[in-house]
N, C-alpha and C. Protein backbone atom coordinates (compact mmCIF):
# COMPACT_ATOMS: atom_id res chain seq x y z
N MET A 1 18.03 -16.37 -5.76
CA MET A 1 17.46 -15.29 -6.39
C MET A 1 16.16 -15.65 -7.19
N LYS A 2 15.07 -14.94 -6.94
CA LYS A 2 13.80 -15.23 -7.59
C LYS A 2 13.95 -14.90 -9.17
N PRO A 3 13.19 -15.71 -9.94
CA PRO A 3 13.14 -15.37 -11.28
C PRO A 3 12.36 -14.07 -11.47
N ARG A 4 12.75 -13.32 -12.48
CA ARG A 4 11.90 -12.04 -12.85
C ARG A 4 10.79 -12.45 -13.57
N ARG A 5 9.57 -11.82 -13.08
CA ARG A 5 8.28 -11.98 -13.72
C ARG A 5 8.32 -10.99 -14.93
N SER A 6 7.72 -11.27 -16.01
CA SER A 6 7.68 -10.39 -17.06
C SER A 6 6.38 -9.43 -16.94
N SER A 7 6.49 -8.26 -17.45
CA SER A 7 5.40 -7.30 -17.36
C SER A 7 4.36 -7.80 -18.33
N LYS A 8 3.09 -7.48 -17.79
CA LYS A 8 1.94 -7.72 -18.69
C LYS A 8 1.82 -6.48 -19.68
N THR A 9 2.19 -5.32 -19.10
CA THR A 9 2.07 -3.96 -19.97
C THR A 9 3.35 -3.27 -19.54
N GLU A 10 3.44 -2.21 -20.25
CA GLU A 10 4.61 -1.20 -19.91
C GLU A 10 4.14 -0.09 -18.97
N ILE A 11 4.97 0.35 -18.25
CA ILE A 11 4.57 1.69 -17.47
C ILE A 11 4.28 2.85 -18.45
N PRO A 12 3.26 3.46 -18.36
CA PRO A 12 2.82 4.53 -19.18
C PRO A 12 3.58 5.81 -18.88
N GLU A 13 3.68 6.72 -19.82
CA GLU A 13 4.20 7.98 -19.70
C GLU A 13 3.05 8.90 -18.97
N PHE A 14 3.34 9.62 -17.82
CA PHE A 14 2.31 10.30 -17.20
C PHE A 14 2.45 11.81 -17.45
N GLU A 15 1.25 12.36 -17.61
CA GLU A 15 1.20 13.79 -17.79
C GLU A 15 1.35 14.67 -16.51
N SER A 16 1.05 14.07 -15.41
CA SER A 16 0.98 14.84 -14.29
C SER A 16 1.20 13.77 -13.08
N ILE A 17 1.62 14.36 -11.86
CA ILE A 17 1.84 13.47 -10.70
C ILE A 17 0.44 12.96 -10.34
N GLN A 18 -0.63 13.66 -10.42
CA GLN A 18 -1.91 13.14 -10.12
C GLN A 18 -2.22 11.94 -10.99
N GLU A 19 -1.97 11.97 -12.24
CA GLU A 19 -2.24 10.86 -13.18
C GLU A 19 -1.38 9.66 -12.78
N GLU A 20 -0.13 9.90 -12.35
CA GLU A 20 0.75 8.86 -11.91
C GLU A 20 0.21 8.18 -10.59
N ALA A 21 -0.14 9.06 -9.62
CA ALA A 21 -0.61 8.59 -8.40
C ALA A 21 -1.81 7.68 -8.53
N GLU A 22 -2.78 8.13 -9.42
CA GLU A 22 -4.06 7.34 -9.70
C GLU A 22 -3.61 5.98 -10.37
N PHE A 23 -2.61 5.88 -11.26
CA PHE A 23 -2.19 4.71 -11.88
C PHE A 23 -1.66 3.71 -10.86
N TRP A 24 -0.78 4.19 -9.94
CA TRP A 24 -0.15 3.37 -8.91
C TRP A 24 -1.11 2.97 -7.80
N ASP A 25 -2.17 3.67 -7.60
CA ASP A 25 -3.36 3.33 -6.66
C ASP A 25 -4.02 2.08 -7.17
N THR A 26 -3.91 1.66 -8.47
CA THR A 26 -4.65 0.63 -9.02
C THR A 26 -3.68 -0.50 -9.72
N HIS A 27 -2.35 -0.25 -9.45
CA HIS A 27 -1.34 -1.16 -10.07
C HIS A 27 -0.37 -1.59 -8.87
N ASP A 28 0.23 -2.73 -9.15
CA ASP A 28 1.26 -3.28 -8.16
C ASP A 28 2.58 -3.15 -8.96
N THR A 29 3.65 -2.72 -8.40
CA THR A 29 4.96 -2.67 -9.02
C THR A 29 5.40 -4.01 -9.51
N THR A 30 5.03 -5.05 -8.82
CA THR A 30 5.39 -6.41 -9.31
C THR A 30 4.93 -6.65 -10.65
N GLU A 31 3.95 -6.04 -11.20
CA GLU A 31 3.46 -6.30 -12.53
C GLU A 31 4.52 -5.67 -13.55
N PHE A 32 5.45 -4.96 -13.16
CA PHE A 32 6.48 -4.29 -14.13
C PHE A 32 7.84 -4.59 -13.72
N LEU A 33 8.21 -5.77 -13.15
CA LEU A 33 9.58 -6.03 -12.62
C LEU A 33 10.65 -5.88 -13.65
N ASP A 34 10.21 -6.27 -14.89
CA ASP A 34 11.30 -6.41 -15.94
C ASP A 34 11.58 -4.91 -16.43
N GLU A 35 10.86 -3.91 -15.99
CA GLU A 35 11.11 -2.60 -16.39
C GLU A 35 12.00 -1.80 -15.50
N PHE A 36 12.21 -2.32 -14.38
CA PHE A 36 12.98 -1.78 -13.34
C PHE A 36 14.47 -2.19 -13.49
N GLU A 37 15.35 -1.27 -13.08
CA GLU A 37 16.86 -1.53 -13.16
C GLU A 37 17.25 -1.47 -11.67
N GLU A 38 18.17 -2.33 -11.30
CA GLU A 38 18.80 -2.33 -10.06
C GLU A 38 19.85 -1.20 -9.92
N THR A 39 19.98 -0.66 -8.72
CA THR A 39 20.96 0.47 -8.58
C THR A 39 21.42 0.49 -7.17
N ASP A 40 22.70 0.71 -7.06
CA ASP A 40 23.18 0.94 -5.66
C ASP A 40 23.09 2.38 -5.21
N GLU A 41 22.65 3.27 -6.06
CA GLU A 41 22.69 4.59 -5.61
C GLU A 41 21.29 5.11 -5.44
N VAL A 42 20.87 5.62 -4.46
CA VAL A 42 19.57 6.25 -4.15
C VAL A 42 19.78 7.57 -3.57
N VAL A 43 19.16 8.63 -4.20
CA VAL A 43 19.28 9.91 -3.90
C VAL A 43 17.86 10.52 -3.39
N PHE A 44 17.84 10.98 -2.18
CA PHE A 44 16.87 11.59 -1.64
C PHE A 44 16.93 13.05 -1.71
N VAL A 45 15.99 13.76 -2.33
CA VAL A 45 16.14 15.24 -2.37
C VAL A 45 14.89 15.87 -1.50
N ARG A 46 15.47 16.62 -0.47
CA ARG A 46 14.42 17.35 0.23
C ARG A 46 14.15 18.71 -0.32
N PRO A 47 12.98 19.13 -0.31
CA PRO A 47 12.76 20.49 -1.00
C PRO A 47 13.34 21.56 -0.08
N GLU A 48 13.94 22.57 -0.87
CA GLU A 48 14.60 23.61 -0.07
C GLU A 48 13.52 24.44 0.66
N LYS A 49 13.80 24.71 1.86
CA LYS A 49 12.97 25.56 2.64
C LYS A 49 13.56 26.76 3.02
N GLN A 50 12.69 27.74 3.31
CA GLN A 50 13.15 29.25 3.80
C GLN A 50 12.62 29.34 5.18
N VAL A 51 13.53 29.87 5.98
CA VAL A 51 13.14 30.32 7.32
C VAL A 51 12.25 31.53 7.30
N VAL A 52 11.15 31.45 7.98
CA VAL A 52 10.20 32.74 8.10
C VAL A 52 10.10 33.04 9.58
N SER A 53 10.36 34.20 9.96
CA SER A 53 10.24 34.64 11.33
C SER A 53 8.99 35.29 11.55
N LEU A 54 8.25 35.03 12.78
CA LEU A 54 7.08 35.70 13.02
C LEU A 54 7.17 35.93 14.64
N ARG A 55 6.49 36.98 14.99
CA ARG A 55 6.40 37.47 16.34
C ARG A 55 5.13 37.05 16.96
N LEU A 56 5.16 36.24 18.03
CA LEU A 56 3.94 35.86 18.70
C LEU A 56 4.12 36.12 20.24
N GLU A 57 2.92 36.34 20.82
CA GLU A 57 3.21 36.59 22.28
C GLU A 57 3.61 35.35 23.01
N ARG A 58 4.57 35.55 23.95
CA ARG A 58 5.23 34.47 24.66
C ARG A 58 4.27 33.51 25.24
N ASP A 59 3.07 34.05 25.85
CA ASP A 59 2.19 33.09 26.39
C ASP A 59 1.54 31.99 25.37
N PHE A 60 1.32 32.77 24.34
CA PHE A 60 0.76 31.86 23.06
C PHE A 60 1.66 30.84 22.70
N VAL A 61 3.12 31.21 22.53
CA VAL A 61 4.03 30.24 22.16
C VAL A 61 4.16 29.13 23.25
N ASP A 62 4.11 29.48 24.50
CA ASP A 62 4.07 28.50 25.51
C ASP A 62 2.96 27.47 25.42
N ARG A 63 1.79 28.12 25.06
CA ARG A 63 0.61 27.21 25.01
C ARG A 63 0.88 26.37 23.65
N LEU A 64 1.39 26.87 22.57
CA LEU A 64 1.52 26.09 21.39
C LEU A 64 2.49 24.79 21.69
N LYS A 65 3.67 25.18 22.46
CA LYS A 65 4.58 24.23 22.72
C LYS A 65 4.11 23.10 23.66
N ALA A 66 3.25 23.53 24.55
CA ALA A 66 2.55 22.49 25.56
C ALA A 66 1.61 21.56 24.75
N TYR A 67 0.89 22.25 23.77
CA TYR A 67 -0.09 21.39 22.91
C TYR A 67 0.58 20.43 22.07
N ALA A 68 1.69 20.95 21.39
CA ALA A 68 2.49 20.19 20.43
C ALA A 68 3.08 19.05 21.21
N GLN A 69 3.56 19.22 22.36
CA GLN A 69 4.20 18.17 23.17
C GLN A 69 3.12 17.11 23.59
N GLU A 70 1.98 17.52 23.91
CA GLU A 70 0.86 16.62 24.12
C GLU A 70 0.55 15.73 22.99
N ILE A 71 0.73 16.10 21.70
CA ILE A 71 0.36 15.36 20.59
C ILE A 71 1.55 14.78 19.99
N GLY A 72 2.70 15.10 20.63
CA GLY A 72 3.84 14.29 20.15
C GLY A 72 4.67 14.86 18.84
N VAL A 73 4.51 16.23 18.55
CA VAL A 73 5.12 16.87 17.33
C VAL A 73 5.93 17.96 17.94
N PRO A 74 7.06 18.39 17.17
CA PRO A 74 7.67 19.62 17.52
C PRO A 74 6.65 20.79 17.21
N TYR A 75 6.81 21.83 18.01
CA TYR A 75 5.81 23.02 17.92
C TYR A 75 6.05 23.58 16.62
N THR A 76 7.24 23.77 16.03
CA THR A 76 7.44 24.37 14.71
C THR A 76 6.71 23.54 13.54
N THR A 77 6.77 22.20 13.73
CA THR A 77 6.15 21.41 12.80
C THR A 77 4.57 21.54 12.81
N LEU A 78 4.12 21.80 14.02
CA LEU A 78 2.64 21.94 14.29
C LEU A 78 2.31 23.20 13.55
N ILE A 79 3.05 24.34 13.78
CA ILE A 79 2.72 25.65 13.31
C ILE A 79 2.78 25.41 11.55
N ARG A 80 3.80 24.87 11.21
CA ARG A 80 3.89 24.78 9.70
C ARG A 80 2.77 23.89 9.15
N MET A 81 2.34 22.88 9.80
CA MET A 81 1.10 22.06 9.34
C MET A 81 -0.12 22.96 9.28
N TRP A 82 -0.27 23.79 10.36
CA TRP A 82 -1.52 24.59 10.31
C TRP A 82 -1.49 25.59 9.29
N ILE A 83 -0.33 26.16 9.17
CA ILE A 83 -0.31 27.21 7.94
C ILE A 83 -0.55 26.58 6.53
N ILE A 84 0.08 25.49 6.34
CA ILE A 84 -0.20 24.82 5.03
C ILE A 84 -1.57 24.38 4.88
N LYS A 85 -2.28 23.88 5.87
CA LYS A 85 -3.56 23.43 5.92
C LYS A 85 -4.58 24.58 5.64
N SER A 86 -4.24 25.68 6.41
CA SER A 86 -5.04 26.82 6.28
C SER A 86 -4.92 27.45 4.99
N PHE A 87 -3.70 27.58 4.47
CA PHE A 87 -3.55 28.19 3.10
C PHE A 87 -4.24 27.35 2.01
N LYS A 88 -4.24 25.99 2.11
CA LYS A 88 -4.97 25.07 1.05
C LYS A 88 -6.35 25.36 1.18
N ARG A 89 -6.94 25.46 2.42
CA ARG A 89 -8.33 25.73 2.62
C ARG A 89 -8.79 26.99 2.09
N GLU A 90 -7.87 28.05 2.26
CA GLU A 90 -8.19 29.38 1.70
C GLU A 90 -8.17 29.36 0.27
N VAL A 91 -7.19 28.81 -0.42
CA VAL A 91 -7.17 28.67 -1.85
C VAL A 91 -8.27 27.94 -2.44
N GLU A 92 -8.71 26.80 -1.81
CA GLU A 92 -9.87 26.10 -2.35
C GLU A 92 -11.14 27.02 -2.26
N SER A 93 -11.30 27.76 -1.10
CA SER A 93 -12.50 28.58 -0.90
C SER A 93 -12.53 29.65 -1.94
N GLN A 94 -11.39 30.31 -2.27
CA GLN A 94 -11.26 31.31 -3.30
C GLN A 94 -11.73 30.78 -4.60
N ARG A 95 -11.31 29.53 -4.89
CA ARG A 95 -11.60 28.96 -6.27
C ARG A 95 -13.08 28.61 -6.27
N GLU A 96 -13.68 28.18 -5.22
CA GLU A 96 -15.17 27.89 -5.29
C GLU A 96 -16.01 29.24 -5.24
N ASP A 97 -15.46 30.34 -4.80
CA ASP A 97 -16.15 31.59 -4.79
C ASP A 97 -16.18 32.08 -6.32
N LYS A 98 -14.96 31.85 -7.01
CA LYS A 98 -14.91 32.23 -8.40
C LYS A 98 -15.65 31.43 -9.33
N ILE A 99 -15.89 30.04 -9.07
CA ILE A 99 -16.69 29.15 -9.85
C ILE A 99 -18.20 29.32 -9.61
N GLY A 100 -18.49 29.46 -8.25
CA GLY A 100 -19.92 29.75 -7.87
C GLY A 100 -20.44 31.03 -8.03
């Protein structure tokens, strides 16, 4: 077993996920080894999702499925990715319109 290195500093309290992400982009967890505790229990929590039904023309769905297969993703994942990306773009556009 390797000896534990002591931390140079303590992990700060973060006010947002963005702030924490920026911190970990510039720091290595090995700088803080003595602040971590070993655990045998790891819990992964998936966000709750809701099924949304939409009606699309059969030909369009067939084309979606073929394209998704070409790029190696399930077609429902592809649709979800497009919706999320489009929504984010729309929200950003609306914010820019309000600012500008």
